[in-house]
Amino acid sequence: MTTDVWTVAQAKAKFSEVIDRAESTGPQVITRSGRRTAVIVASDEWERKTRRVGTLADFFAASPLRGSGVKVRRSKERAQKIDL
C-alpha cells in the first residue's frame, strides 16, 4: 500500500483521481503549506479501522492480569485543589 501526497490545490483540481487512488492504492495525504492536514481513505478501509470489536467488559475479561492477584491501592488522601 503506497501513500501519495497532494497539495490542497492539486487535490482540489484532481479530486476524483485522489478518491480513485485512495480506493486502489491506499491513503492519500493532503498538505497545506507543507504540513500534513488531512488523509483521504477508501470507505471500506475506514469502516474496517473504526469498527468496534467487543465491549469494555470483554476487554477486561481478556486481560492477562485477570486472576493474577494484582491489587491496586488508591490513596485515601483528598485530591489536591487546583485553581483554574
Protein backbone atom coordinates (compact mmCIF):
# COMPACT_ATOMS: atom_id res chain seq x y z
CA MET A 1 0.00 0.00 0.00
CA THR A 2 1.52 3.30 -1.06
CA THR A 3 0.66 6.76 0.16
CA ASP A 4 0.57 9.65 -2.27
CA VAL A 5 0.94 13.25 -1.13
CA TRP A 6 -1.09 16.08 -2.67
CA THR A 7 -1.19 19.80 -2.02
CA VAL A 8 -4.64 21.28 -1.40
CA ALA A 9 -4.60 22.85 -4.87
CA GLN A 10 -3.67 19.55 -6.53
CA ALA A 11 -6.32 17.65 -4.56
CA LYS A 12 -9.00 20.19 -5.50
CA ALA A 13 -8.06 20.06 -9.16
CA LYS A 14 -7.95 16.25 -9.27
CA PHE A 15 -10.40 15.26 -6.55
CA SER A 16 -11.82 12.29 -8.48
CA GLU A 17 -8.30 10.96 -9.04
CA VAL A 18 -7.50 11.36 -5.32
CA ILE A 19 -10.57 9.28 -4.47
CA ASP A 20 -9.75 6.66 -7.12
CA ARG A 21 -6.20 6.31 -5.79
CA ALA A 22 -7.44 6.07 -2.20
CA GLU A 23 -9.57 3.11 -3.29
CA SER A 24 -6.90 1.44 -5.44
CA THR A 25 -3.55 2.17 -3.79
CA GLY A 26 -4.23 3.40 -0.26
CA PRO A 27 -4.43 6.56 1.84
CA GLN A 28 -3.87 9.91 0.14
CA VAL A 29 -2.29 12.70 2.21
CA ILE A 30 -3.33 16.31 1.68
CA THR A 31 -0.87 19.04 2.69
CA ARG A 32 -1.33 22.75 3.33
CA SER A 33 1.74 24.99 3.50
CA GLY A 34 3.91 21.88 3.53
CA ARG A 35 2.20 20.34 6.58
CA ARG A 36 0.07 17.21 6.57
CA THR A 37 -3.51 18.31 7.23
CA ALA A 38 -5.81 15.55 6.02
CA VAL A 39 -5.88 11.98 4.78
CA ILE A 40 -8.36 10.52 2.31
CA VAL A 41 -9.00 6.79 2.71
CA ALA A 42 -11.37 4.40 0.99
CA SER A 43 -14.68 3.93 2.78
CA ASP A 44 -14.18 0.19 3.30
CA GLU A 45 -10.77 0.81 4.93
CA TRP A 46 -12.26 3.47 7.20
CA GLU A 47 -15.06 1.11 8.28
CA ARG A 48 -12.57 -1.69 8.95
CA LYS A 49 -10.26 0.52 11.04
CA THR A 50 -13.04 2.16 13.09
CA ARG A 51 -15.18 -0.92 13.72
CA ARG A 52 -15.59 -1.60 17.42
CA VAL A 53 -14.65 -5.10 18.41
CA GLY A 54 -16.17 -6.36 21.65
CA THR A 55 -17.16 -4.42 24.73
CA LEU A 56 -15.15 -2.88 27.54
CA ALA A 57 -16.17 -5.84 29.71
CA ASP A 58 -14.76 -8.22 27.05
CA PHE A 59 -11.50 -6.26 27.02
CA PHE A 60 -11.07 -6.55 30.79
CA ALA A 61 -12.12 -10.20 30.79
CA ALA A 62 -9.39 -10.99 28.25
CA SER A 63 -6.70 -9.10 30.20
CA PRO A 64 -3.58 -11.12 31.00
CA LEU A 65 -3.75 -9.59 34.51
CA ARG A 66 -7.10 -11.21 35.23
CA GLY A 67 -6.62 -13.66 38.06
CA SER A 68 -3.02 -12.56 38.65
CA GLY A 69 -3.77 -11.28 42.13
CA VAL A 70 -2.61 -7.75 41.34
CA LYS A 71 -4.13 -5.32 43.83
CA VAL A 72 -4.44 -1.63 43.04
CA ARG A 73 -4.34 0.66 46.04
CA ARG A 74 -5.78 4.12 45.99
CA SER A 75 -4.66 6.96 48.18
CA LYS A 76 -7.12 7.85 50.92
CA GLU A 77 -5.87 11.46 50.89
CA ARG A 78 -8.05 14.18 49.44
CA ALA A 79 -7.30 15.26 45.92
CA GLN A 80 -5.12 18.32 45.57
CA LYS A 81 -7.09 21.52 44.91
CA ILE A 82 -6.23 23.16 41.62
CA ASP A 83 -7.17 26.74 40.73
CA LEU A 84 -8.32 27.08 37.15
